Amino acid sequence: MNLSFNAAIAQLPVESAREALRILLAPHFNPVFGAAKTVEHEVTAFSALQLLGFLNTPAEPFELITKLRVAAAQVRVNTFDFATCSTKTDETPSLL
């Protein structure tokens, strides 16, 4: 069940909030601060939004279009990025 963004954060248990923050900040320190690519930040933000319950796991394209307010073409690109980045590292949970 998806909740509004603010409601998802308000209802989040402390341990889940810590995990979401860890996921979100991980690319900033691997290998060094500021060296991560934009796609790595998008993938980790996507993972954190799933952990918050804001996005379903797996997320449907229509859900991404409406909740993240991105174009269908961008969803296709991001879906590919999410799938390839999630197979490269154990830091990022399975996205799709």
Protein backbone atom coordinates (compact mmCIF):
# COMPACT_ATOMS: atom_id res chain seq x y z
CA MET A 1 0.00 0.00 0.00
CA ASN A 2 1.40 3.38 -1.00
CA LEU A 3 1.15 6.34 1.29
CA SER A 4 1.77 10.00 0.68
CA PHE A 5 5.41 10.93 1.04
CA ASN A 6 4.96 12.81 4.33
CA ALA A 7 2.71 10.11 5.77
CA ALA A 8 5.22 7.43 4.78
CA ILE A 9 7.97 9.25 6.66
CA ALA A 10 5.76 9.92 9.70
CA GLN A 11 4.83 6.23 10.02
CA LEU A 12 8.34 4.89 9.46
CA PRO A 13 9.91 2.91 12.30
CA VAL A 14 13.27 4.25 13.51
CA GLU A 15 15.23 1.26 12.20
CA SER A 16 13.68 1.63 8.74
CA ALA A 17 14.47 5.35 8.76
CA ARG A 18 18.09 4.57 9.60
CA GLU A 19 18.27 2.01 6.79
CA ALA A 20 16.71 4.43 4.29
CA LEU A 21 19.22 7.11 5.29
CA ARG A 22 22.11 4.63 4.99
CA ILE A 23 20.95 3.63 1.49
CA LEU A 24 20.50 7.25 0.45
CA LEU A 25 23.92 8.41 1.67
CA ALA A 26 25.96 5.35 0.62
CA PRO A 27 26.96 6.66 -2.84
CA HIS A 28 28.38 9.81 -1.27
CA PHE A 29 31.13 7.79 0.38
CA ASN A 30 31.87 5.11 -2.22
CA PRO A 31 34.70 5.55 -3.12
CA VAL A 32 34.96 9.14 -1.86
CA PHE A 33 32.55 12.00 -1.25
CA GLY A 34 31.37 13.59 -4.48
CA ALA A 35 32.62 10.86 -6.82
CA ALA A 36 29.29 9.09 -7.40
CA LYS A 37 27.46 9.41 -10.70
CA THR A 38 23.97 10.88 -10.93
CA VAL A 39 22.47 7.49 -11.77
CA GLU A 40 23.83 6.05 -8.52
CA HIS A 41 22.03 8.78 -6.57
CA GLU A 42 18.80 8.07 -8.47
CA VAL A 43 19.04 4.35 -7.79
CA THR A 44 19.61 4.82 -4.08
CA ALA A 45 16.82 7.40 -3.84
CA PHE A 46 14.51 4.92 -5.57
CA SER A 47 15.51 2.23 -3.06
CA ALA A 48 14.89 4.57 -0.13
CA LEU A 49 11.45 5.51 -1.51
CA GLN A 50 10.57 1.81 -1.73
CA LEU A 51 11.75 1.27 1.84
CA LEU A 52 9.59 4.19 2.97
CA GLY A 53 6.57 2.54 1.32
CA PHE A 54 6.13 5.48 -1.05
CA LEU A 55 6.78 3.19 -4.06
CA ASN A 56 5.71 -0.41 -4.49
CA THR A 57 8.22 -3.22 -4.92
CA PRO A 58 8.29 -3.85 -7.85
CA ALA A 59 7.23 -0.40 -9.03
CA GLU A 60 4.96 -0.21 -12.06
CA PRO A 61 5.81 2.30 -14.82
CA PHE A 62 2.54 4.20 -14.33
CA GLU A 63 3.27 4.53 -10.63
CA LEU A 64 6.70 5.99 -11.38
CA ILE A 65 5.24 8.42 -13.91
CA THR A 66 2.57 9.70 -11.54
CA LYS A 67 4.45 9.71 -8.24
CA LEU A 68 7.87 10.82 -9.45
CA ARG A 69 6.41 13.07 -12.17
CA VAL A 70 8.72 11.88 -14.92
CA ALA A 71 8.08 11.13 -18.59
CA ALA A 72 7.51 7.59 -19.85
CA ALA A 73 10.82 7.71 -21.74
CA GLN A 74 12.64 8.61 -18.53
CA VAL A 75 10.95 5.71 -16.73
CA ARG A 76 12.30 3.31 -19.38
CA VAL A 77 15.83 4.69 -18.98
CA ASN A 78 15.64 4.65 -15.20
CA THR A 79 14.20 1.12 -15.12
CA PHE A 80 17.23 -0.08 -17.08
CA ASP A 81 19.58 1.87 -14.80
CA PHE A 82 17.90 0.49 -11.67
CA ALA A 83 18.18 -3.07 -12.96
CA THR A 84 21.84 -2.78 -13.98
CA CYS A 85 22.97 -0.87 -10.90
CA SER A 86 21.22 -3.27 -8.54
CA THR A 87 23.15 -6.21 -10.03
CA LYS A 88 26.52 -4.45 -9.60
CA THR A 89 26.50 -3.99 -5.85
CA ASP A 90 25.13 -5.47 -2.67
CA GLU A 91 24.76 -1.94 -1.23
CA THR A 92 21.57 -1.42 -3.22
CA PRO A 93 18.62 -3.74 -2.59
CA SER A 94 16.79 -5.34 -5.48
CA LEU A 95 14.68 -2.69 -7.16
CA LEU A 96 12.60 -4.54 -9.72
